Amino acid sequence: MSPGNNCNKRFKIGIVLSYLGFCVPLLVGLFNYIQNFIRYVEANFNIDELNVLIEHVAYTNLVALGIIGIVTTRYGIRNKYKWAWKLSLFLLIWSGGNDSFIFCVYNSTNLENYLFPFPYLSFIIECIALALTYQYMFKNNAEE
């Protein structure tokens, strides 16, 4: 196996992991958005409005992050646009880092309602994806 084939294989694995990493917030956001909306309707729209607003915005942001990440991976990283890799890194640091930090704070202060850390899962998967695609995206001597 030549070095170019190995790099190409890592790139393809990185693409798949990037899709997976951005599917996690998309699916978590959609599931919770729908669940929150059903709960709100069943309560005859009588739930604390601020709580509903905060949850609505949070889940909408997760869905948007997932969609932007998947579209960036599909049309940017797969076509080897450097801006797409940098945008994915920004999304990872801004959204993934923020979500992971908030889950750390929540889980450390609310021990009886411990939440499974989905942001960590997505964060780690996307870190691996970006590491695997880096050489193929930025090294001039990388073979296609």
N, C-alpha and C. Protein backbone atom coordinates (compact mmCIF):
# COMPACT_ATOMS: atom_id res chain seq x y z
N MET A 1 0.85 -1.18 0.00
CA MET A 1 0.00 0.00 0.00
C MET A 1 0.89 1.24 0.00
N SER A 2 0.64 2.13 -0.93
CA SER A 2 1.46 3.33 -1.03
C SER A 2 1.00 4.37 -0.02
N PRO A 3 1.88 5.32 0.32
CA PRO A 3 1.50 6.37 1.28
C PRO A 3 0.28 7.16 0.82
N GLY A 4 0.11 7.37 -0.48
CA GLY A 4 -1.04 8.11 -1.00
C GLY A 4 -2.34 7.38 -0.72
N ASN A 5 -2.34 6.06 -0.88
CA ASN A 5 -3.55 5.28 -0.61
C ASN A 5 -3.91 5.32 0.86
N ASN A 6 -2.88 5.26 1.74
CA ASN A 6 -3.12 5.32 3.17
C ASN A 6 -3.73 6.66 3.55
N CYS A 7 -3.22 7.75 2.96
CA CYS A 7 -3.75 9.09 3.23
C CYS A 7 -5.19 9.20 2.74
N ASN A 8 -5.47 8.64 1.57
CA ASN A 8 -6.81 8.68 1.01
C ASN A 8 -7.79 7.88 1.88
N LYS A 9 -7.33 6.76 2.40
CA LYS A 9 -8.17 5.94 3.28
C LYS A 9 -8.49 6.69 4.58
N ARG A 10 -7.48 7.34 5.17
CA ARG A 10 -7.71 8.14 6.38
C ARG A 10 -8.68 9.28 6.11
N PHE A 11 -8.56 9.89 4.93
CA PHE A 11 -9.44 10.99 4.55
C PHE A 11 -10.89 10.49 4.49
N LYS A 12 -11.11 9.35 3.87
CA LYS A 12 -12.46 8.80 3.75
C LYS A 12 -13.04 8.43 5.12
N ILE A 13 -12.22 7.86 5.98
CA ILE A 13 -12.67 7.55 7.34
C ILE A 13 -12.99 8.84 8.09
N GLY A 14 -12.16 9.87 7.90
CA GLY A 14 -12.42 11.16 8.52
C GLY A 14 -13.73 11.77 8.07
N ILE A 15 -14.05 11.62 6.78
CA ILE A 15 -15.32 12.13 6.25
C ILE A 15 -16.49 11.44 6.92
N VAL A 16 -16.43 10.11 7.02
CA VAL A 16 -17.51 9.34 7.66
C VAL A 16 -17.65 9.75 9.13
N LEU A 17 -16.54 9.90 9.83
CA LEU A 17 -16.59 10.32 11.23
C LEU A 17 -17.13 11.74 11.37
N SER A 18 -16.82 12.59 10.41
CA SER A 18 -17.34 13.96 10.46
C SER A 18 -18.86 13.95 10.32
N TYR A 19 -19.37 13.15 9.39
CA TYR A 19 -20.83 13.01 9.27
C TYR A 19 -21.42 12.53 10.59
N LEU A 20 -20.81 11.50 11.15
CA LEU A 20 -21.31 10.93 12.41
C LEU A 20 -21.24 11.96 13.54
N GLY A 21 -20.12 12.68 13.62
CA GLY A 21 -19.96 13.67 14.68
C GLY A 21 -21.00 14.78 14.62
N PHE A 22 -21.42 15.15 13.42
CA PHE A 22 -22.44 16.19 13.30
C PHE A 22 -23.86 15.62 13.34
N CYS A 23 -24.00 14.32 13.12
CA CYS A 23 -25.33 13.71 13.24
C CYS A 23 -25.77 13.64 14.70
N VAL A 24 -24.84 13.52 15.62
CA VAL A 24 -25.20 13.43 17.05
C VAL A 24 -25.97 14.67 17.51
N PRO A 25 -25.44 15.90 17.32
CA PRO A 25 -26.24 17.05 17.77
C PRO A 25 -27.53 17.22 16.98
N LEU A 26 -27.50 16.86 15.69
CA LEU A 26 -28.72 16.96 14.89
C LEU A 26 -29.82 16.06 15.45
N LEU A 27 -29.50 14.81 15.71
CA LEU A 27 -30.50 13.86 16.20
C LEU A 27 -30.93 14.17 17.64
N VAL A 28 -29.98 14.52 18.49
CA VAL A 28 -30.32 14.88 19.87
C VAL A 28 -31.20 16.13 19.88
N GLY A 29 -30.86 17.12 19.07
CA GLY A 29 -31.65 18.34 19.00
C GLY A 29 -33.05 18.10 18.47
N LEU A 30 -33.17 17.31 17.40
CA LEU A 30 -34.49 17.01 16.84
C LEU A 30 -35.36 16.24 17.83
N PHE A 31 -34.79 15.20 18.43
CA PHE A 31 -35.54 14.38 19.38
C PHE A 31 -36.05 15.22 20.55
N ASN A 32 -35.18 16.01 21.13
CA ASN A 32 -35.57 16.81 22.29
C ASN A 32 -36.50 17.96 21.91
N TYR A 33 -36.31 18.53 20.73
CA TYR A 33 -37.20 19.59 20.25
C TYR A 33 -38.63 19.06 20.13
N ILE A 34 -38.77 17.90 19.51
CA ILE A 34 -40.10 17.29 19.34
C ILE A 34 -40.69 16.92 20.70
N GLN A 35 -39.87 16.31 21.55
CA GLN A 35 -40.33 15.91 22.88
C GLN A 35 -40.77 17.14 23.69
N ASN A 36 -40.01 18.22 23.62
CA ASN A 36 -40.34 19.44 24.33
C ASN A 36 -41.64 20.04 23.80
N PHE A 37 -41.82 20.04 22.49
CA PHE A 37 -43.03 20.58 21.89
C PHE A 37 -44.26 19.77 22.31
N ILE A 38 -44.15 18.45 22.31
CA ILE A 38 -45.27 17.59 22.73
C ILE A 38 -45.62 17.85 24.19
N ARG A 39 -44.60 17.97 25.03
CA ARG A 39 -44.84 18.27 26.45
C ARG A 39 -45.56 19.60 26.62
N TYR A 40 -45.17 20.57 25.83
CA TYR A 40 -45.78 21.91 25.88
C TYR A 40 -47.24 21.85 25.44
N VAL A 41 -47.54 21.11 24.38
CA VAL A 41 -48.92 20.98 23.90
C VAL A 41 -49.77 20.22 24.90
N GLU A 42 -49.24 19.14 25.49
CA GLU A 42 -49.99 18.36 26.47
C GLU A 42 -50.31 19.16 27.73
N ALA A 43 -49.50 20.16 28.03
CA ALA A 43 -49.74 21.00 29.20
C ALA A 43 -50.63 22.19 28.86
N ASN A 44 -51.27 22.12 27.69
CA ASN A 44 -52.15 23.21 27.23
C ASN A 44 -51.43 24.55 27.22
N PHE A 45 -50.18 24.53 26.83
CA PHE A 45 -49.37 25.74 26.70
C PHE A 45 -49.27 26.50 28.02
N ASN A 46 -49.23 25.77 29.15
CA ASN A 46 -49.20 26.38 30.47
C ASN A 46 -47.85 26.22 31.19
N ILE A 47 -46.83 25.93 30.48
CA ILE A 47 -45.51 25.76 31.09
C ILE A 47 -44.83 27.12 31.16
N ASP A 48 -43.94 27.27 32.13
CA ASP A 48 -43.19 28.51 32.27
C ASP A 48 -42.61 28.93 30.91
N GLU A 49 -42.96 30.10 30.46
CA GLU A 49 -42.60 30.54 29.11
C GLU A 49 -41.10 30.70 28.92
N LEU A 50 -40.38 31.17 29.92
CA LEU A 50 -38.94 31.34 29.80
C LEU A 50 -38.25 30.00 29.62
N ASN A 51 -38.68 29.01 30.38
CA ASN A 51 -38.11 27.67 30.27
C ASN A 51 -38.32 27.11 28.86
N VAL A 52 -39.52 27.26 28.34
CA VAL A 52 -39.82 26.78 27.00
C VAL A 52 -38.98 27.51 25.96
N LEU A 53 -38.82 28.81 26.12
CA LEU A 53 -38.03 29.60 25.19
C LEU A 53 -36.56 29.16 25.19
N ILE A 54 -36.00 28.98 26.37
CA ILE A 54 -34.60 28.56 26.48
C ILE A 54 -34.39 27.19 25.85
N GLU A 55 -35.28 26.24 26.16
CA GLU A 55 -35.15 24.91 25.57
C GLU A 55 -35.34 24.95 24.06
N HIS A 56 -36.27 25.74 23.60
CA HIS A 56 -36.52 25.87 22.16
C HIS A 56 -35.28 26.38 21.44
N VAL A 57 -34.67 27.42 21.97
CA VAL A 57 -33.47 27.99 21.36
C VAL A 57 -32.31 26.99 21.41
N ALA A 58 -32.14 26.31 22.53
CA ALA A 58 -31.04 25.35 22.66
C ALA A 58 -31.17 24.21 21.65
N TYR A 59 -32.35 23.64 21.53
CA TYR A 59 -32.54 22.52 20.61
C TYR A 59 -32.47 22.98 19.16
N THR A 60 -32.94 24.18 18.88
CA THR A 60 -32.83 24.73 17.53
C THR A 60 -31.37 24.93 17.16
N ASN A 61 -30.56 25.40 18.10
CA ASN A 61 -29.13 25.57 17.85
C ASN A 61 -28.43 24.24 17.59
N LEU A 62 -28.81 23.20 18.31
CA LEU A 62 -28.22 21.88 18.07
C LEU A 62 -28.56 21.37 16.68
N VAL A 63 -29.81 21.54 16.28
CA VAL A 63 -30.22 21.10 14.94
C VAL A 63 -29.46 21.90 13.88
N ALA A 64 -29.36 23.20 14.06
CA ALA A 64 -28.63 24.04 13.10
C ALA A 64 -27.16 23.63 13.02
N LEU A 65 -26.54 23.36 14.16
CA LEU A 65 -25.14 22.91 14.18
C LEU A 65 -24.99 21.63 13.38
N GLY A 66 -25.87 20.68 13.60
CA GLY A 66 -25.80 19.42 12.87
C GLY A 66 -25.95 19.61 11.37
N ILE A 67 -26.93 20.41 10.97
CA ILE A 67 -27.16 20.63 9.54
C ILE A 67 -25.98 21.36 8.89
N ILE A 68 -25.50 22.42 9.54
CA ILE A 68 -24.35 23.16 8.99
C ILE A 68 -23.13 22.25 8.88
N GLY A 69 -22.89 21.44 9.91
CA GLY A 69 -21.74 20.54 9.89
C GLY A 69 -21.84 19.49 8.80
N ILE A 70 -23.02 18.92 8.62
CA ILE A 70 -23.19 17.89 7.59
C ILE A 70 -23.04 18.49 6.19
N VAL A 71 -23.64 19.66 5.97
CA VAL A 71 -23.53 20.32 4.67
C VAL A 71 -22.08 20.73 4.40
N THR A 72 -21.40 21.23 5.41
CA THR A 72 -19.98 21.61 5.26
C THR A 72 -19.13 20.40 4.92
N THR A 73 -19.40 19.28 5.58
CA THR A 73 -18.64 18.06 5.28
C THR A 73 -18.93 17.59 3.87
N ARG A 74 -20.20 17.58 3.50
CA ARG A 74 -20.59 17.06 2.18
C ARG A 74 -20.04 17.91 1.04
N TYR A 75 -20.21 19.20 1.11
CA TYR A 75 -19.86 20.04 -0.03
C TYR A 75 -18.51 20.74 0.12
N GLY A 76 -17.97 20.80 1.31
CA GLY A 76 -16.71 21.48 1.51
C GLY A 76 -15.53 20.56 1.71
N ILE A 77 -15.58 19.77 2.77
CA ILE A 77 -14.44 18.91 3.08
C ILE A 77 -14.27 17.81 2.03
N ARG A 78 -15.36 17.22 1.59
CA ARG A 78 -15.25 16.18 0.55
C ARG A 78 -14.63 16.71 -0.73
N ASN A 79 -14.84 17.99 -1.01
CA ASN A 79 -14.26 18.61 -2.20
C ASN A 79 -12.95 19.32 -1.90
N LYS A 80 -12.44 19.11 -0.69
CA LYS A 80 -11.11 19.58 -0.27
C LYS A 80 -10.98 21.10 -0.22
N TYR A 81 -12.06 21.79 0.18
CA TYR A 81 -11.97 23.23 0.39
C TYR A 81 -11.45 23.49 1.81
N LYS A 82 -10.36 24.24 1.89
CA LYS A 82 -9.73 24.48 3.19
C LYS A 82 -10.64 25.26 4.13
N TRP A 83 -11.45 26.17 3.60
CA TRP A 83 -12.36 26.94 4.43
C TRP A 83 -13.34 26.02 5.15
N ALA A 84 -13.72 24.93 4.52
CA ALA A 84 -14.68 24.01 5.13
C ALA A 84 -14.07 23.31 6.34
N TRP A 85 -12.80 22.94 6.23
CA TRP A 85 -12.12 22.31 7.36
C TRP A 85 -12.03 23.30 8.51
N LYS A 86 -11.70 24.55 8.19
CA LYS A 86 -11.58 25.58 9.22
C LYS A 86 -12.94 25.90 9.85
N LEU A 87 -14.00 25.89 9.04
CA LEU A 87 -15.35 26.09 9.58
C LEU A 87 -15.72 24.95 10.52
N SER A 88 -15.38 23.72 10.14
CA SER A 88 -15.66 22.58 11.01
C SER A 88 -14.90 22.69 12.32
N LEU A 89 -13.66 23.16 12.26
CA LEU A 89 -12.89 23.37 13.48
C LEU A 89 -13.54 24.44 14.35
N PHE A 90 -13.99 25.52 13.73
CA PHE A 90 -14.69 26.58 14.48
C PHE A 90 -15.96 26.03 15.14
N LEU A 91 -16.75 25.26 14.39
CA LEU A 91 -17.97 24.67 14.95
C LEU A 91 -17.64 23.74 16.11
N LEU A 92 -16.57 22.99 15.96
CA LEU A 92 -16.13 22.08 17.01
C LEU A 92 -15.76 22.85 18.27
N ILE A 93 -14.96 23.89 18.12
CA ILE A 93 -14.50 24.65 19.29
C ILE A 93 -15.64 25.45 19.90
N TRP A 94 -16.39 26.17 19.07
CA TRP A 94 -17.43 27.05 19.60
C TRP A 94 -18.59 26.26 20.19
N SER A 95 -19.24 25.46 19.39
CA SER A 95 -20.42 24.74 19.86
C SER A 95 -20.05 23.51 20.68
N GLY A 96 -19.15 22.71 20.17
CA GLY A 96 -18.77 21.49 20.89
C GLY A 96 -18.10 21.80 22.22
N GLY A 97 -17.20 22.77 22.21
CA GLY A 97 -16.53 23.16 23.46
C GLY A 97 -17.50 23.75 24.46
N ASN A 98 -18.40 24.61 24.00
CA ASN A 98 -19.39 25.22 24.88
C ASN A 98 -20.33 24.15 25.46
N ASP A 99 -20.85 23.28 24.62
CA ASP A 99 -21.76 22.24 25.10
C ASP A 99 -21.07 21.31 26.09
N SER A 100 -19.84 20.94 25.79
CA SER A 100 -19.10 20.05 26.69
C SER A 100 -18.85 20.72 28.04
N PHE A 101 -18.49 22.00 28.01
CA PHE A 101 -18.24 22.73 29.25
C PHE A 101 -19.53 22.82 30.09
N ILE A 102 -20.64 23.16 29.46
CA ILE A 102 -21.91 23.29 30.18
C ILE A 102 -22.33 21.95 30.77
N PHE A 103 -22.13 20.86 30.03
CA PHE A 103 -22.47 19.54 30.57
C PHE A 103 -21.58 19.20 31.76
N CYS A 104 -20.30 19.59 31.72
CA CYS A 104 -19.42 19.38 32.88
C CYS A 104 -19.96 20.11 34.09
N VAL A 105 -20.33 21.37 33.90
CA VAL A 105 -20.86 22.17 35.00
C VAL A 105 -22.16 21.57 35.52
N TYR A 106 -23.07 21.21 34.63
CA TYR A 106 -24.36 20.66 35.02
C TYR A 106 -24.18 19.34 35.78
N ASN A 107 -23.36 18.44 35.22
CA ASN A 107 -23.18 17.14 35.86
C ASN A 107 -22.45 17.24 37.19
N SER A 108 -21.59 18.24 37.36
CA SER A 108 -20.87 18.37 38.63
C SER A 108 -21.74 19.00 39.71
N THR A 109 -22.74 19.78 39.31
CA THR A 109 -23.59 20.44 40.30
C THR A 109 -24.93 19.73 40.51
N ASN A 110 -25.27 18.80 39.65
CA ASN A 110 -26.57 18.15 39.71
C ASN A 110 -26.36 16.64 39.65
N LEU A 111 -25.82 16.08 40.72
CA LEU A 111 -25.42 14.68 40.73
C LEU A 111 -26.59 13.70 40.65
N GLU A 112 -27.76 14.10 41.11
CA GLU A 112 -28.88 13.16 41.07
C GLU A 112 -29.52 13.06 39.69
N ASN A 113 -29.33 14.06 38.83
CA ASN A 113 -29.88 14.04 37.47
C ASN A 113 -28.75 14.01 36.45
N TYR A 114 -27.83 13.09 36.60
CA TYR A 114 -26.67 13.00 35.71
C TYR A 114 -27.14 12.72 34.28
N LEU A 115 -26.63 13.47 33.33
CA LEU A 115 -26.97 13.29 31.92
C LEU A 115 -25.80 12.62 31.20
N PHE A 116 -26.14 11.70 30.30
CA PHE A 116 -25.08 11.11 29.48
C PHE A 116 -24.49 12.21 28.60
N PRO A 117 -23.20 12.33 28.58
CA PRO A 117 -22.56 13.47 27.91
C PRO A 117 -22.47 13.32 26.38
N PHE A 118 -23.59 13.48 25.69
CA PHE A 118 -23.57 13.44 24.22
C PHE A 118 -22.61 14.45 23.62
N PRO A 119 -22.48 15.66 24.18
CA PRO A 119 -21.52 16.60 23.59
C PRO A 119 -20.09 16.06 23.59
N TYR A 120 -19.71 15.30 24.61
CA TYR A 120 -18.37 14.72 24.62
C TYR A 120 -18.21 13.75 23.46
N LEU A 121 -19.22 12.93 23.24
CA LEU A 121 -19.17 11.94 22.17
C LEU A 121 -18.99 12.63 20.82
N SER A 122 -19.80 13.61 20.54
CA SER A 122 -19.72 14.35 19.29
C SER A 122 -18.39 15.08 19.17
N PHE A 123 -17.94 15.69 20.27
CA PHE A 123 -16.69 16.44 20.31
C PHE A 123 -15.51 15.53 19.97
N ILE A 124 -15.45 14.37 20.59
CA ILE A 124 -14.34 13.43 20.36
C ILE A 124 -14.36 12.89 18.93
N ILE A 125 -15.54 12.53 18.45
CA ILE A 125 -15.65 12.01 17.08
C ILE A 125 -15.19 13.07 16.07
N GLU A 126 -15.61 14.30 16.27
CA GLU A 126 -15.24 15.36 15.33
C GLU A 126 -13.75 15.69 15.44
N CYS A 127 -13.16 15.63 16.62
CA CYS A 127 -11.71 15.83 16.77
C CYS A 127 -10.94 14.79 15.96
N ILE A 128 -11.35 13.54 16.06
CA ILE A 128 -10.70 12.47 15.30
C ILE A 128 -10.88 12.70 13.80
N ALA A 129 -12.10 13.09 13.39
CA ALA A 129 -12.37 13.34 11.97
C ALA A 129 -11.47 14.45 11.43
N LEU A 130 -11.34 15.54 12.17
CA LEU A 130 -10.50 16.64 11.71
C LEU A 130 -9.03 16.25 11.68
N ALA A 131 -8.60 15.45 12.65
CA ALA A 131 -7.21 14.99 12.65
C ALA A 131 -6.92 14.10 11.44
N LEU A 132 -7.88 13.25 11.09
CA LEU A 132 -7.69 12.34 9.96
C LEU A 132 -7.70 13.08 8.62
N THR A 133 -8.46 14.14 8.51
CA THR A 133 -8.55 14.85 7.24
C THR A 133 -7.53 15.98 7.09
N TYR A 134 -6.86 16.33 8.16
CA TYR A 134 -5.93 17.47 8.13
C TYR A 134 -4.84 17.32 7.07
N GLN A 135 -4.15 16.19 7.09
CA GLN A 135 -3.02 16.01 6.17
C GLN A 135 -3.49 16.09 4.72
N TYR A 136 -4.60 15.49 4.44
CA TYR A 136 -5.11 15.48 3.07
C TYR A 136 -5.55 16.88 2.62
N MET A 137 -6.02 17.68 3.57
CA MET A 137 -6.51 19.01 3.23
C MET A 137 -5.39 20.05 3.10
N PHE A 138 -4.33 19.94 3.91
CA PHE A 138 -3.37 21.03 4.02
C PHE A 138 -1.95 20.72 3.59
N LYS A 139 -1.60 19.49 3.47
CA LYS A 139 -0.23 19.17 3.07
C LYS A 139 -0.13 19.19 1.56
N ASN A 140 0.80 19.98 1.06
CA ASN A 140 0.96 20.09 -0.40
C ASN A 140 1.47 18.82 -1.04
N ASN A 141 2.22 18.04 -0.27
CA ASN A 141 2.80 16.83 -0.85
C ASN A 141 1.90 15.61 -0.67
N ALA A 142 0.69 15.80 -0.15
CA ALA A 142 -0.23 14.68 -0.01
C ALA A 142 -0.77 14.30 -1.39
N GLU A 143 -0.74 13.02 -1.66
CA GLU A 143 -1.23 12.52 -2.96
C GLU A 143 -2.73 12.30 -2.87
N GLU A 144 -3.38 12.45 -4.00
CA GLU A 144 -4.82 12.18 -4.05
C GLU A 144 -5.00 10.78 -4.41
